[in-house]
Amino acid sequence: MQYEEFVGRVQERAGLGSYGAAEDATRAVLQTLGEYLSGGEGLDLASQLPQGIEDHLINQPPDRAKIFSLQDFVQIIGEKEDTGPDRAQSHARAVIGVLGEAVTEGEMQDIRRQFPSAFDPIFD
């Protein structure tokens, strides 16, 4: 999957009106995801993503201290994207859904294992 296809799928899944909005959502979600992942998982994930998309995960030092719950995760995405929590959660679902199409099933399982079950709404 190439960069344009990834972002285009996010735009479609999230029902966003512009490609630029889909790029913003993709960046915000993947940066936040990168801040949460530990044990080199962000780098493993980035290695399977298109050039330009992987940049959002790389150079994101783990900062789990800021993320205690799904609400915190969504709030951080909303702040980065300057949108409300409902839209931020919808964007998280869309980006993570496309992520599941872009990387191996094993990689998605590795990522999913790092999150408690309270995060199920963004992984379904």
PDB file of N, CA and C in Angstrom:
ATOM      1  N   MET A   1       0.853  -1.181   0.000  1.00  0.00           N
ATOM      2  CA  MET A   1       0.000   0.000   0.000  1.00  0.00           C
ATOM      3  C   MET A   1       0.895   1.239   0.000  1.00  0.00           C
ATOM      4  N   GLN A   2       0.587   2.192  -0.835  1.00  0.00           N
ATOM      5  CA  GLN A   2       1.344   3.437  -0.932  1.00  0.00           C
ATOM      6  C   GLN A   2       0.707   4.524  -0.053  1.00  0.00           C
ATOM      7  N   TYR A   3       1.448   5.603   0.150  1.00  0.00           N
ATOM      8  CA  TYR A   3       1.008   6.716   0.991  1.00  0.00           C
ATOM      9  C   TYR A   3      -0.374   7.218   0.583  1.00  0.00           C
ATOM     10  N   GLU A   4      -0.546   7.511  -0.694  1.00  0.00           N
ATOM     11  CA  GLU A   4      -1.797   8.093  -1.178  1.00  0.00           C
ATOM     12  C   GLU A   4      -2.980   7.154  -0.954  1.00  0.00           C
ATOM     13  N   GLU A   5      -2.749   5.864  -1.155  1.00  0.00           N
ATOM     14  CA  GLU A   5      -3.817   4.894  -0.945  1.00  0.00           C
ATOM     15  C   GLU A   5      -4.181   4.812   0.536  1.00  0.00           C
ATOM     16  N   PHE A   6      -3.176   4.810   1.412  1.00  0.00           N
ATOM     17  CA  PHE A   6      -3.423   4.757   2.850  1.00  0.00           C
ATOM     18  C   PHE A   6      -4.290   5.937   3.277  1.00  0.00           C
ATOM     19  N   VAL A   7      -3.864   7.138   2.915  1.00  0.00           N
ATOM     20  CA  VAL A   7      -4.593   8.344   3.313  1.00  0.00           C
ATOM     21  C   VAL A   7      -5.978   8.374   2.659  1.00  0.00           C
ATOM     22  N   GLY A   8      -6.074   7.953   1.419  1.00  0.00           N
ATOM     23  CA  GLY A   8      -7.368   7.894   0.735  1.00  0.00           C
ATOM     24  C   GLY A   8      -8.343   6.966   1.438  1.00  0.00           C
ATOM     25  N   ARG A   9      -7.839   5.837   1.915  1.00  0.00           N
ATOM     26  CA  ARG A   9      -8.705   4.903   2.650  1.00  0.00           C
ATOM     27  C   ARG A   9      -9.142   5.486   3.982  1.00  0.00           C
ATOM     28  N   VAL A  10      -8.237   6.218   4.637  1.00  0.00           N
ATOM     29  CA  VAL A  10      -8.613   6.894   5.890  1.00  0.00           C
ATOM     30  C   VAL A  10      -9.706   7.917   5.593  1.00  0.00           C
ATOM     31  N   GLN A  11      -9.535   8.687   4.532  1.00  0.00           N
ATOM     32  CA  GLN A  11     -10.534   9.689   4.163  1.00  0.00           C
ATOM     33  C   GLN A  11     -11.894   9.041   3.951  1.00  0.00           C
ATOM     34  N   GLU A  12     -11.909   7.922   3.244  1.00  0.00           N
ATOM     35  CA  GLU A  12     -13.161   7.228   2.960  1.00  0.00           C
ATOM     36  C   GLU A  12     -13.777   6.654   4.239  1.00  0.00           C
ATOM     37  N   ARG A  13     -12.994   5.949   5.038  1.00  0.00           N
ATOM     38  CA  ARG A  13     -13.512   5.319   6.260  1.00  0.00           C
ATOM     39  C   ARG A  13     -14.031   6.337   7.264  1.00  0.00           C
ATOM     40  N   ALA A  14     -13.324   7.467   7.371  1.00  0.00           N
ATOM     41  CA  ALA A  14     -13.703   8.485   8.355  1.00  0.00           C
ATOM     42  C   ALA A  14     -14.739   9.454   7.804  1.00  0.00           C
ATOM     43  N   GLY A  15     -15.027   9.380   6.510  1.00  0.00           N
ATOM     44  CA  GLY A  15     -15.984  10.291   5.909  1.00  0.00           C
ATOM     45  C   GLY A  15     -15.499  11.733   5.909  1.00  0.00           C
ATOM     46  N   LEU A  16     -14.207  11.907   5.702  1.00  0.00           N
ATOM     47  CA  LEU A  16     -13.622  13.250   5.727  1.00  0.00           C
ATOM     48  C   LEU A  16     -13.789  13.926   4.373  1.00  0.00           C
ATOM     49  N   GLY A  17     -13.994  15.223   4.404  1.00  0.00           N
ATOM     50  CA  GLY A  17     -14.278  15.978   3.192  1.00  0.00           C
ATOM     51  C   GLY A  17     -13.080  16.297   2.335  1.00  0.00           C
ATOM     52  N   SER A  18     -11.883  16.137   2.888  1.00  0.00           N
ATOM     53  CA  SER A  18     -10.706  16.466   2.091  1.00  0.00           C
ATOM     54  C   SER A  18      -9.564  15.508   2.397  1.00  0.00           C
ATOM     55  N   TYR A  19      -8.682  15.412   1.435  1.00  0.00           N
ATOM     56  CA  TYR A  19      -7.481  14.588   1.570  1.00  0.00           C
ATOM     57  C   TYR A  19      -6.596  15.155   2.686  1.00  0.00           C
ATOM     58  N   GLY A  20      -6.514  16.475   2.755  1.00  0.00           N
ATOM     59  CA  GLY A  20      -5.713  17.125   3.797  1.00  0.00           C
ATOM     60  C   GLY A  20      -6.210  16.790   5.192  1.00  0.00           C
ATOM     61  N   ALA A  21      -7.519  16.742   5.370  1.00  0.00           N
ATOM     62  CA  ALA A  21      -8.086  16.372   6.674  1.00  0.00           C
ATOM     63  C   ALA A  21      -7.733  14.929   7.012  1.00  0.00           C
ATOM     64  N   ALA A  22      -7.705  14.073   5.998  1.00  0.00           N
ATOM     65  CA  ALA A  22      -7.324  12.675   6.223  1.00  0.00           C
ATOM     66  C   ALA A  22      -5.846  12.563   6.590  1.00  0.00           C
ATOM     67  N   GLU A  23      -5.020  13.395   5.981  1.00  0.00           N
ATOM     68  CA  GLU A  23      -3.600  13.420   6.357  1.00  0.00           C
ATOM     69  C   GLU A  23      -3.433  13.868   7.804  1.00  0.00           C
ATOM     70  N   ASP A  24      -4.189  14.888   8.200  1.00  0.00           N
ATOM     71  CA  ASP A  24      -4.119  15.377   9.585  1.00  0.00           C
ATOM     72  C   ASP A  24      -4.557  14.294  10.572  1.00  0.00           C
ATOM     73  N   ALA A  25      -5.641  13.597  10.247  1.00  0.00           N
ATOM     74  CA  ALA A  25      -6.138  12.527  11.119  1.00  0.00           C
ATOM     75  C   ALA A  25      -5.109  11.401  11.206  1.00  0.00           C
ATOM     76  N   THR A  26      -4.543  11.035  10.085  1.00  0.00           N
ATOM     77  CA  THR A  26      -3.543   9.966  10.057  1.00  0.00           C
ATOM     78  C   THR A  26      -2.347  10.339  10.928  1.00  0.00           C
ATOM     79  N   ARG A  27      -1.852  11.550  10.770  1.00  0.00           N
ATOM     80  CA  ARG A  27      -0.707  12.020  11.551  1.00  0.00           C
ATOM     81  C   ARG A  27      -1.023  11.997  13.041  1.00  0.00           C
ATOM     82  N   ALA A  28      -2.164  12.565  13.431  1.00  0.00           N
ATOM     83  CA  ALA A  28      -2.520  12.671  14.846  1.00  0.00           C
ATOM     84  C   ALA A  28      -2.663  11.290  15.499  1.00  0.00           C
ATOM     85  N   VAL A  29      -3.326  10.381  14.806  1.00  0.00           N
ATOM     86  CA  VAL A  29      -3.536   9.044  15.372  1.00  0.00           C
ATOM     87  C   VAL A  29      -2.218   8.285  15.464  1.00  0.00           C
ATOM     88  N   LEU A  30      -1.433   8.300  14.399  1.00  0.00           N
ATOM     89  CA  LEU A  30      -0.191   7.529  14.419  1.00  0.00           C
ATOM     90  C   LEU A  30       0.839   8.110  15.376  1.00  0.00           C
ATOM     91  N   GLN A  31       0.901   9.428  15.510  1.00  0.00           N
ATOM     92  CA  GLN A  31       1.805  10.016  16.500  1.00  0.00           C
ATOM     93  C   GLN A  31       1.411   9.586  17.911  1.00  0.00           C
ATOM     94  N   THR A  32       0.121   9.605  18.186  1.00  0.00           N
ATOM     95  CA  THR A  32      -0.355   9.216  19.510  1.00  0.00           C
ATOM     96  C   THR A  32      -0.114   7.732  19.743  1.00  0.00           C
ATOM     97  N   LEU A  33      -0.359   6.931  18.739  1.00  0.00           N
ATOM     98  CA  LEU A  33      -0.083   5.500  18.830  1.00  0.00           C
ATOM     99  C   LEU A  33       1.399   5.278  19.110  1.00  0.00           C
ATOM    100  N   GLY A  34       2.252   5.995  18.400  1.00  0.00           N
ATOM    101  CA  GLY A  34       3.700   5.885  18.600  1.00  0.00           C
ATOM    102  C   GLY A  34       4.133   6.274  19.996  1.00  0.00           C
ATOM    103  N   GLU A  35       3.434   7.226  20.599  1.00  0.00           N
ATOM    104  CA  GLU A  35       3.743   7.641  21.964  1.00  0.00           C
ATOM    105  C   GLU A  35       3.347   6.563  22.972  1.00  0.00           C
ATOM    106  N   TYR A  36       2.405   5.718  22.599  1.00  0.00           N
ATOM    107  CA  TYR A  36       1.902   4.698  23.515  1.00  0.00           C
ATOM    108  C   TYR A  36       2.679   3.391  23.414  1.00  0.00           C
ATOM    109  N   LEU A  37       3.095   3.016  22.220  1.00  0.00           N
ATOM    110  CA  LEU A  37       3.739   1.724  22.010  1.00  0.00           C
ATOM    111  C   LEU A  37       5.115   1.671  22.668  1.00  0.00           C
ATOM    112  N   SER A  38       5.452   0.500  23.177  1.00  0.00           N
ATOM    113  CA  SER A  38       6.747   0.328  23.826  1.00  0.00           C
ATOM    114  C   SER A  38       7.436  -0.921  23.285  1.00  0.00           C
ATOM    115  N   GLY A  39       8.666  -1.144  23.746  1.00  0.00           N
ATOM    116  CA  GLY A  39       9.399  -2.343  23.372  1.00  0.00           C
ATOM    117  C   GLY A  39       9.770  -2.414  21.910  1.00  0.00           C
ATOM    118  N   GLY A  40       9.957  -1.284  21.271  1.00  0.00           N
ATOM    119  CA  GLY A  40      10.337  -1.281  19.866  1.00  0.00           C
ATOM    120  C   GLY A  40       9.190  -1.575  18.915  1.00  0.00           C
ATOM    121  N   GLU A  41       7.978  -1.685  19.454  1.00  0.00           N
ATOM    122  CA  GLU A  41       6.835  -2.027  18.614  1.00  0.00           C
ATOM    123  C   GLU A  41       6.527  -0.937  17.589  1.00  0.00           C
ATOM    124  N   GLY A  42       6.751   0.327  17.955  1.00  0.00           N
ATOM    125  CA  GLY A  42       6.538   1.415  17.007  1.00  0.00           C
ATOM    126  C   GLY A  42       7.435   1.285  15.784  1.00  0.00           C
ATOM    127  N   LEU A  43       8.690   0.908  16.008  1.00  0.00           N
ATOM    128  CA  LEU A  43       9.622   0.719  14.893  1.00  0.00           C
ATOM    129  C   LEU A  43       9.236  -0.485  14.051  1.00  0.00           C
ATOM    130  N   ASP A  44       8.784  -1.563  14.711  1.00  0.00           N
ATOM    131  CA  ASP A  44       8.333  -2.741  13.970  1.00  0.00           C
ATOM    132  C   ASP A  44       7.155  -2.378  13.068  1.00  0.00           C
ATOM    133  N   LEU A  45       6.214  -1.632  13.630  1.00  0.00           N
ATOM    134  CA  LEU A  45       5.050  -1.217  12.859  1.00  0.00           C
ATOM    135  C   LEU A  45       5.464  -0.306  11.705  1.00  0.00           C
ATOM    136  N   ALA A  46       6.309   0.666  12.004  1.00  0.00           N
ATOM    137  CA  ALA A  46       6.745   1.629  10.984  1.00  0.00           C
ATOM    138  C   ALA A  46       7.420   0.938   9.811  1.00  0.00           C
ATOM    139  N   SER A  47       8.126  -0.158  10.080  1.00  0.00           N
ATOM    140  CA  SER A  47       8.844  -0.846   9.012  1.00  0.00           C
ATOM    141  C   SER A  47       7.907  -1.444   7.966  1.00  0.00           C
ATOM    142  N   GLN A  48       6.632  -1.597   8.293  1.00  0.00           N
ATOM    143  CA  GLN A  48       5.669  -2.175   7.356  1.00  0.00           C
ATOM    144  C   GLN A  48       4.793  -1.121   6.673  1.00  0.00           C
ATOM    145  N   LEU A  49       5.025   0.132   6.985  1.00  0.00           N
ATOM    146  CA  LEU A  49       4.171   1.202   6.461  1.00  0.00           C
ATOM    147  C   LEU A  49       4.826   1.930   5.293  1.00  0.00           C
ATOM    148  N   PRO A  50       4.005   2.570   4.453  1.00  0.00           N
ATOM    149  CA  PRO A  50       4.547   3.323   3.314  1.00  0.00           C
ATOM    150  C   PRO A  50       5.417   4.493   3.775  1.00  0.00           C
ATOM    151  N   GLN A  51       6.346   4.853   2.915  1.00  0.00           N
ATOM    152  CA  GLN A  51       7.192   6.007   3.193  1.00  0.00           C
ATOM    153  C   GLN A  51       6.308   7.235   3.386  1.00  0.00           C
ATOM    154  N   GLY A  52       6.596   8.005   4.400  1.00  0.00           N
ATOM    155  CA  GLY A  52       5.794   9.182   4.724  1.00  0.00           C
ATOM    156  C   GLY A  52       4.817   8.890   5.840  1.00  0.00           C
ATOM    157  N   ILE A  53       4.216   7.712   5.827  1.00  0.00           N
ATOM    158  CA  ILE A  53       3.313   7.314   6.907  1.00  0.00           C
ATOM    159  C   ILE A  53       4.139   6.873   8.110  1.00  0.00           C
ATOM    160  N   GLU A  54       5.207   6.117   7.845  1.00  0.00           N
ATOM    161  CA  GLU A  54       6.019   5.593   8.940  1.00  0.00           C
ATOM    162  C   GLU A  54       6.664   6.702   9.751  1.00  0.00           C
ATOM    163  N   ASP A  55       6.875   7.861   9.139  1.00  0.00           N
ATOM    164  CA  ASP A  55       7.495   8.985   9.847  1.00  0.00           C
ATOM    165  C   ASP A  55       6.698   9.406  11.077  1.00  0.00           C
ATOM    166  N   HIS A  56       5.407   9.186  11.047  1.00  0.00           N
ATOM    167  CA  HIS A  56       4.562   9.588  12.175  1.00  0.00           C
ATOM    168  C   HIS A  56       4.805   8.722  13.404  1.00  0.00           C
ATOM    169  N   LEU A  57       5.315   7.529  13.203  1.00  0.00           N
ATOM    170  CA  LEU A  57       5.583   6.612  14.318  1.00  0.00           C
ATOM    171  C   LEU A  57       7.014   6.722  14.815  1.00  0.00           C
ATOM    172  N   ILE A  58       7.929   6.966  13.901  1.00  0.00           N
ATOM    173  CA  ILE A  58       9.336   7.069  14.254  1.00  0.00           C
ATOM    174  C   ILE A  58       9.560   8.410  14.963  1.00  0.00           C
ATOM    175  N   ASN A  59      10.486   8.426  15.859  1.00  0.00           N
ATOM    176  CA  ASN A  59      10.819   9.626  16.640  1.00  0.00           C
ATOM    177  C   ASN A  59       9.722   9.990  17.635  1.00  0.00           C
ATOM    178  N   GLN A  60       8.882   9.031  17.969  1.00  0.00           N
ATOM    179  CA  GLN A  60       7.863   9.277  18.991  1.00  0.00           C
ATOM    180  C   GLN A  60       8.294   8.545  20.256  1.00  0.00           C
ATOM    181  N   PRO A  61       8.900   9.262  21.194  1.00  0.00           N
ATOM    182  CA  PRO A  61       9.319   8.582  22.420  1.00  0.00           C
ATOM    183  C   PRO A  61       8.090   8.098  23.188  1.00  0.00           C
ATOM    184  N   PRO A  62       8.155   6.875  23.725  1.00  0.00           N
ATOM    185  CA  PRO A  62       7.008   6.394  24.499  1.00  0.00           C
ATOM    186  C   PRO A  62       6.687   7.360  25.636  1.00  0.00           C
ATOM    187  N   ASP A  63       5.441   7.707  25.767  1.00  0.00           N
ATOM    188  CA  ASP A  63       5.001   8.617  26.820  1.00  0.00           C
ATOM    189  C   ASP A  63       3.688   8.104  27.385  1.00  0.00           C
ATOM    190  N   ARG A  64       3.703   6.852  27.805  1.00  0.00           N
ATOM    191  CA  ARG A  64       2.504   6.239  28.356  1.00  0.00           C
ATOM    192  C   ARG A  64       1.989   6.996  29.576  1.00  0.00           C
ATOM    193  N   ALA A  65       2.851   7.775  30.206  1.00  0.00           N
ATOM    194  CA  ALA A  65       2.423   8.505  31.404  1.00  0.00           C
ATOM    195  C   ALA A  65       1.233   9.409  31.101  1.00  0.00           C
ATOM    196  N   LYS A  66       1.125   9.888  29.847  1.00  0.00           N
ATOM    197  CA  LYS A  66       0.020  10.774  29.477  1.00  0.00           C
ATOM    198  C   LYS A  66      -1.253  10.000  29.147  1.00  0.00           C
ATOM    199  N   ILE A  67      -1.131   8.703  28.880  1.00  0.00           N
ATOM    200  CA  ILE A  67      -2.259   7.931  28.370  1.00  0.00           C
ATOM    201  C   ILE A  67      -2.635   6.849  29.383  1.00  0.00           C
ATOM    202  N   PHE A  68      -3.727   7.071  30.077  1.00  0.00           N
ATOM    203  CA  PHE A  68      -4.188   6.109  31.064  1.00  0.00           C
ATOM    204  C   PHE A  68      -5.435   5.377  30.611  1.00  0.00           C
ATOM    205  N   SER A  69      -6.144   5.933  29.658  1.00  0.00           N
ATOM    206  CA  SER A  69      -7.434   5.371  29.276  1.00  0.00           C
ATOM    207  C   SER A  69      -7.705   5.683  27.801  1.00  0.00           C
ATOM    208  N   LEU A  70      -8.753   5.046  27.291  1.00  0.00           N
ATOM    209  CA  LEU A  70      -9.184   5.358  25.934  1.00  0.00           C
ATOM    210  C   LEU A  70      -9.535   6.837  25.823  1.00  0.00           C
ATOM    211  N   GLN A  71     -10.171   7.369  26.849  1.00  0.00           N
ATOM    212  CA  GLN A  71     -10.539   8.790  26.844  1.00  0.00           C
ATOM    213  C   GLN A  71      -9.293   9.665  26.712  1.00  0.00           C
ATOM    214  N   ASP A  72      -8.214   9.327  27.436  1.00  0.00           N
ATOM    215  CA  ASP A  72      -6.965  10.092  27.328  1.00  0.00           C
ATOM    216  C   ASP A  72      -6.392   9.989  25.913  1.00  0.00           C
ATOM    217  N   PHE A  73      -6.391   8.778  25.381  1.00  0.00           N
ATOM    218  CA  PHE A  73      -5.860   8.530  24.039  1.00  0.00           C
ATOM    219  C   PHE A  73      -6.600   9.390  23.017  1.00  0.00           C
ATOM    220  N   VAL A  74      -7.919   9.356  23.090  1.00  0.00           N
ATOM    221  CA  VAL A  74      -8.765  10.120  22.166  1.00  0.00           C
ATOM    222  C   VAL A  74      -8.578  11.620  22.379  1.00  0.00           C
ATOM    223  N   GLN A  75      -8.460  12.043  23.623  1.00  0.00           N
ATOM    224  CA  GLN A  75      -8.268  13.468  23.917  1.00  0.00           C
ATOM    225  C   GLN A  75      -6.965  13.978  23.302  1.00  0.00           C
ATOM    226  N   ILE A  76      -5.906  13.188  23.408  1.00  0.00           N
ATOM    227  CA  ILE A  76      -4.616  13.598  22.838  1.00  0.00           C
ATOM    228  C   ILE A  76      -4.723  13.714  21.318  1.00  0.00           C
ATOM    229  N   ILE A  77      -5.398  12.759  20.691  1.00  0.00           N
ATOM    230  CA  ILE A  77      -5.606  12.830  19.238  1.00  0.00           C
ATOM    231  C   ILE A  77      -6.394  14.093  18.901  1.00  0.00           C
ATOM    232  N   GLY A  78      -7.465  14.352  19.646  1.00  0.00           N
ATOM    233  CA  GLY A  78      -8.287  15.536  19.406  1.00  0.00           C
ATOM    234  C   GLY A  78      -7.503  16.822  19.530  1.00  0.00           C
ATOM    235  N   GLU A  79      -6.601  16.890  20.519  1.00  0.00           N
ATOM    236  CA  GLU A  79      -5.773  18.088  20.692  1.00  0.00           C
ATOM    237  C   GLU A  79      -4.826  18.276  19.516  1.00  0.00           C
ATOM    238  N   LYS A  80      -4.242  17.194  19.042  1.00  0.00           N
ATOM    239  CA  LYS A  80      -3.316  17.284  17.907  1.00  0.00           C
ATOM    240  C   LYS A  80      -4.034  17.665  16.622  1.00  0.00           C
ATOM    241  N   GLU A  81      -5.285  17.234  16.536  1.00  0.00           N
ATOM    242  CA  GLU A  81      -6.053  17.452  15.318  1.00  0.00           C
ATOM    243  C   GLU A  81      -6.994  18.651  15.438  1.00  0.00           C
ATOM    244  N   ASP A  82      -7.087  19.202  16.636  1.00  0.00           N
ATOM    245  CA  ASP A  82      -7.994  20.312  16.931  1.00  0.00           C
ATOM    246  C   ASP A  82      -9.440  19.953  16.584  1.00  0.00           C
ATOM    247  N   THR A  83      -9.880  18.826  17.167  1.00  0.00           N
ATOM    248  CA  THR A  83     -11.251  18.367  16.960  1.00  0.00           C
ATOM    249  C   THR A  83     -11.784  17.786  18.271  1.00  0.00           C
ATOM    250  N   GLY A  84     -13.070  17.526  18.312  1.00  0.00           N
ATOM    251  CA  GLY A  84     -13.708  16.998  19.504  1.00  0.00           C
ATOM    252  C   GLY A  84     -13.475  15.509  19.689  1.00  0.00           C
ATOM    253  N   PRO A  85     -13.832  14.985  20.858  1.00  0.00           N
ATOM    254  CA  PRO A  85     -13.566  13.579  21.164  1.00  0.00           C
ATOM    255  C   PRO A  85     -14.312  12.584  20.275  1.00  0.00           C
ATOM    256  N   ASP A  86     -15.531  12.875  19.883  1.00  0.00           N
ATOM    257  CA  ASP A  86     -16.271  11.935  19.032  1.00  0.00           C
ATOM    258  C   ASP A  86     -15.591  11.788  17.669  1.00  0.00           C
ATOM    259  N   ARG A  87     -15.216  12.921  17.092  1.00  0.00           N
ATOM    260  CA  ARG A  87     -14.530  12.876  15.791  1.00  0.00           C
ATOM    261  C   ARG A  87     -13.157  12.239  15.929  1.00  0.00           C
ATOM    262  N   ALA A  88     -12.453  12.554  17.019  1.00  0.00           N
ATOM    263  CA  ALA A  88     -11.123  11.982  17.231  1.00  0.00           C
ATOM    264  C   ALA A  88     -11.210  10.465  17.360  1.00  0.00           C
ATOM    265  N   GLN A  89     -12.216   9.971  18.058  1.00  0.00           N
ATOM    266  CA  GLN A  89     -12.374   8.525  18.188  1.00  0.00           C
ATOM    267  C   GLN A  89     -12.732   7.895  16.840  1.00  0.00           C
ATOM    268  N   SER A  90     -13.569   8.555  16.083  1.00  0.00           N
ATOM    269  CA  SER A  90     -13.909   8.070  14.749  1.00  0.00           C
ATOM    270  C   SER A  90     -12.678   8.013  13.852  1.00  0.00           C
ATOM    271  N   HIS A  91     -11.839   9.029  13.949  1.00  0.00           N
ATOM    272  CA  HIS A  91     -10.618   9.070  13.158  1.00  0.00           C
ATOM    273  C   HIS A  91      -9.652   7.975  13.606  1.00  0.00           C
ATOM    274  N   ALA A  92      -9.583   7.740  14.920  1.00  0.00           N
ATOM    275  CA  ALA A  92      -8.721   6.670  15.437  1.00  0.00           C
ATOM    276  C   ALA A  92      -9.165   5.325  14.874  1.00  0.00           C
ATOM    277  N   ARG A  93     -10.466   5.086  14.889  1.00  0.00           N
ATOM    278  CA  ARG A  93     -11.004   3.831  14.336  1.00  0.00           C
ATOM    279  C   ARG A  93     -10.645   3.694  12.853  1.00  0.00           C
ATOM    280  N   ALA A  94     -10.800   4.779  12.113  1.00  0.00           N
ATOM    281  CA  ALA A  94     -10.517   4.741  10.671  1.00  0.00           C
ATOM    282  C   ALA A  94      -9.041   4.466  10.407  1.00  0.00           C
ATOM    283  N   VAL A  95      -8.164   5.189  11.078  1.00  0.00           N
ATOM    284  CA  VAL A  95      -6.724   5.021  10.844  1.00  0.00           C
ATOM    285  C   VAL A  95      -6.279   3.627  11.270  1.00  0.00           C
ATOM    286  N   ILE A  96      -6.736   3.173  12.418  1.00  0.00           N
ATOM    287  CA  ILE A  96      -6.335   1.849  12.891  1.00  0.00           C
ATOM    288  C   ILE A  96      -6.918   0.765  11.987  1.00  0.00           C
ATOM    289  N   GLY A  97      -8.099   0.992  11.453  1.00  0.00           N
ATOM    290  CA  GLY A  97      -8.673   0.045  10.497  1.00  0.00           C
ATOM    291  C   GLY A  97      -7.830  -0.071   9.241  1.00  0.00           C
ATOM    292  N   VAL A  98      -7.389   1.059   8.706  1.00  0.00           N
ATOM    293  CA  VAL A  98      -6.536   1.040   7.524  1.00  0.00           C
ATOM    294  C   VAL A  98      -5.170   0.443   7.870  1.00  0.00           C
ATOM    295  N   LEU A  99      -4.695   0.728   9.051  1.00  0.00           N
ATOM    296  CA  LEU A  99      -3.443   0.145   9.515  1.00  0.00           C
ATOM    297  C   LEU A  99      -3.524  -1.381   9.459  1.00  0.00           C
ATOM    298  N   GLY A 100      -4.665  -1.922   9.871  1.00  0.00           N
ATOM    299  CA  GLY A 100      -4.873  -3.364   9.840  1.00  0.00           C
ATOM    300  C   GLY A 100      -4.837  -3.940   8.438  1.00  0.00           C
ATOM    301  N   GLU A 101      -5.165  -3.125   7.443  1.00  0.00           N
ATOM    302  CA  GLU A 101      -5.098  -3.561   6.047  1.00  0.00           C
ATOM    303  C   GLU A 101      -3.678  -3.444   5.486  1.00  0.00           C
ATOM    304  N   ALA A 102      -2.879  -2.551   6.072  1.00  0.00           N
ATOM    305  CA  ALA A 102      -1.562  -2.233   5.524  1.00  0.00           C
ATOM    306  C   ALA A 102      -0.438  -3.097   6.096  1.00  0.00           C
ATOM    307  N   VAL A 103      -0.635  -3.672   7.269  1.00  0.00           N
ATOM    308  CA  VAL A 103       0.426  -4.450   7.910  1.00  0.00           C
ATOM    309  C   VAL A 103      -0.049  -5.891   8.125  1.00  0.00           C
ATOM    310  N   THR A 104       0.870  -6.734   8.527  1.00  0.00           N
ATOM    311  CA  THR A 104       0.527  -8.139   8.734  1.00  0.00           C
ATOM    312  C   THR A 104      -0.397  -8.312   9.938  1.00  0.00           C
ATOM    313  N   GLU A 105      -1.131  -9.395   9.906  1.00  0.00           N
ATOM    314  CA  GLU A 105      -2.034  -9.705  11.017  1.00  0.00           C
ATOM    315  C   GLU A 105      -1.245  -9.875  12.322  1.00  0.00           C
ATOM    316  N   GLY A 106      -0.081 -10.489  12.232  1.00  0.00           N
ATOM    317  CA  GLY A 106       0.754 -10.675  13.419  1.00  0.00           C
ATOM    318  C   GLY A 106       1.185  -9.358  14.032  1.00  0.00           C
ATOM    319  N   GLU A 107       1.503  -8.393  13.186  1.00  0.00           N
ATOM    320  CA  GLU A 107       1.904  -7.077  13.692  1.00  0.00           C
ATOM    321  C   GLU A 107       0.734  -6.392  14.395  1.00  0.00           C
ATOM    322  N   MET A 108      -0.447  -6.488  13.814  1.00  0.00           N
ATOM    323  CA  MET A 108      -1.623  -5.893  14.458  1.00  0.00           C
ATOM    324  C   MET A 108      -1.913  -6.577  15.793  1.00  0.00           C
ATOM    325  N   GLN A 109      -1.706  -7.873  15.870  1.00  0.00           N
ATOM    326  CA  GLN A 109      -1.907  -8.575  17.134  1.00  0.00           C
ATOM    327  C   GLN A 109      -0.901  -8.095  18.179  1.00  0.00           C
ATOM    328  N   ASP A 110       0.342  -7.875  17.759  1.00  0.00           N
ATOM    329  CA  ASP A 110       1.365  -7.365  18.681  1.00  0.00           C
ATOM    330  C   ASP A 110       0.974  -5.993  19.218  1.00  0.00           C
ATOM    331  N   ILE A 111       0.456  -5.154  18.342  1.00  0.00           N
ATOM    332  CA  ILE A 111       0.029  -3.812  18.752  1.00  0.00           C
ATOM    333  C   ILE A 111      -1.158  -3.913  19.701  1.00  0.00           C
ATOM    334  N   ARG A 112      -2.127  -4.697  19.317  1.00  0.00           N
ATOM    335  CA  ARG A 112      -3.356  -4.823  20.108  1.00  0.00           C
ATOM    336  C   ARG A 112      -3.073  -5.316  21.522  1.00  0.00           C
ATOM    337  N   ARG A 113      -2.086  -6.198  21.672  1.00  0.00           N
ATOM    338  CA  ARG A 113      -1.743  -6.734  22.990  1.00  0.00           C
ATOM    339  C   ARG A 113      -1.220  -5.665  23.948  1.00  0.00           C
ATOM    340  N   GLN A 114      -0.772  -4.542  23.424  1.00  0.00           N
ATOM    341  CA  GLN A 114      -0.243  -3.489  24.290  1.00  0.00           C
ATOM    342  C   GLN A 114      -1.343  -2.617  24.899  1.00  0.00           C
ATOM    343  N   PHE A 115      -2.564  -2.800  24.442  1.00  0.00           N
ATOM    344  CA  PHE A 115      -3.676  -1.981  24.904  1.00  0.00           C
ATOM    345  C   PHE A 115      -4.650  -2.813  25.720  1.00  0.00           C
ATOM    346  N   PRO A 116      -5.181  -2.252  26.806  1.00  0.00           N
ATOM    347  CA  PRO A 116      -6.207  -2.974  27.572  1.00  0.00           C
ATOM    348  C   PRO A 116      -7.514  -3.080  26.780  1.00  0.00           C
ATOM    349  N   SER A 117      -8.397  -3.930  27.242  1.00  0.00           N
ATOM    350  CA  SER A 117      -9.658  -4.182  26.529  1.00  0.00           C
ATOM    351  C   SER A 117     -10.532  -2.937  26.418  1.00  0.00           C
ATOM    352  N   ALA A 118     -10.311  -1.947  27.262  1.00  0.00           N
ATOM    353  CA  ALA A 118     -11.091  -0.709  27.185  1.00  0.00           C
ATOM    354  C   ALA A 118     -10.896  -0.003  25.839  1.00  0.00           C
ATOM    355  N   PHE A 119      -9.834  -0.356  25.124  1.00  0.00           N
ATOM    356  CA  PHE A 119      -9.537   0.258  23.831  1.00  0.00           C
ATOM    357  C   PHE A 119     -10.222  -0.460  22.671  1.00  0.00           C
ATOM    358  N   ASP A 120     -10.999  -1.490  22.964  1.00  0.00           N
ATOM    359  CA  ASP A 120     -11.682  -2.259  21.906  1.00  0.00           C
ATOM    360  C   ASP A 120     -12.434  -1.386  20.903  1.00  0.00           C
ATOM    361  N   PRO A 121     -13.111  -0.300  21.331  1.00  0.00           N
ATOM    362  CA  PRO A 121     -13.865   0.498  20.361  1.00  0.00           C
ATOM    363  C   PRO A 121     -13.026   1.057  19.201  1.00  0.00           C
ATOM    364  N   ILE A 122     -11.737   1.269  19.394  1.00  0.00           N
ATOM    365  CA  ILE A 122     -10.941   1.801  18.282  1.00  0.00           C
ATOM    366  C   ILE A 122     -10.259   0.696  17.493  1.00  0.00           C
ATOM    367  N   PHE A 123     -10.299  -0.527  17.987  1.00  0.00           N
ATOM    368  CA  PHE A 123      -9.664  -1.646  17.283  1.00  0.00           C
ATOM    369  C   PHE A 123     -10.662  -2.520  16.556  1.00  0.00           C
ATOM    370  N   ASP A 124     -11.954  -2.258  16.685  1.00  0.00           N
ATOM    371  CA  ASP A 124     -12.957  -3.080  16.017  1.00  0.00           C
ATOM    372  C   ASP A 124     -13.237  -2.600  14.613  1.00  0.00           C
TER     373      ASP A 124
END
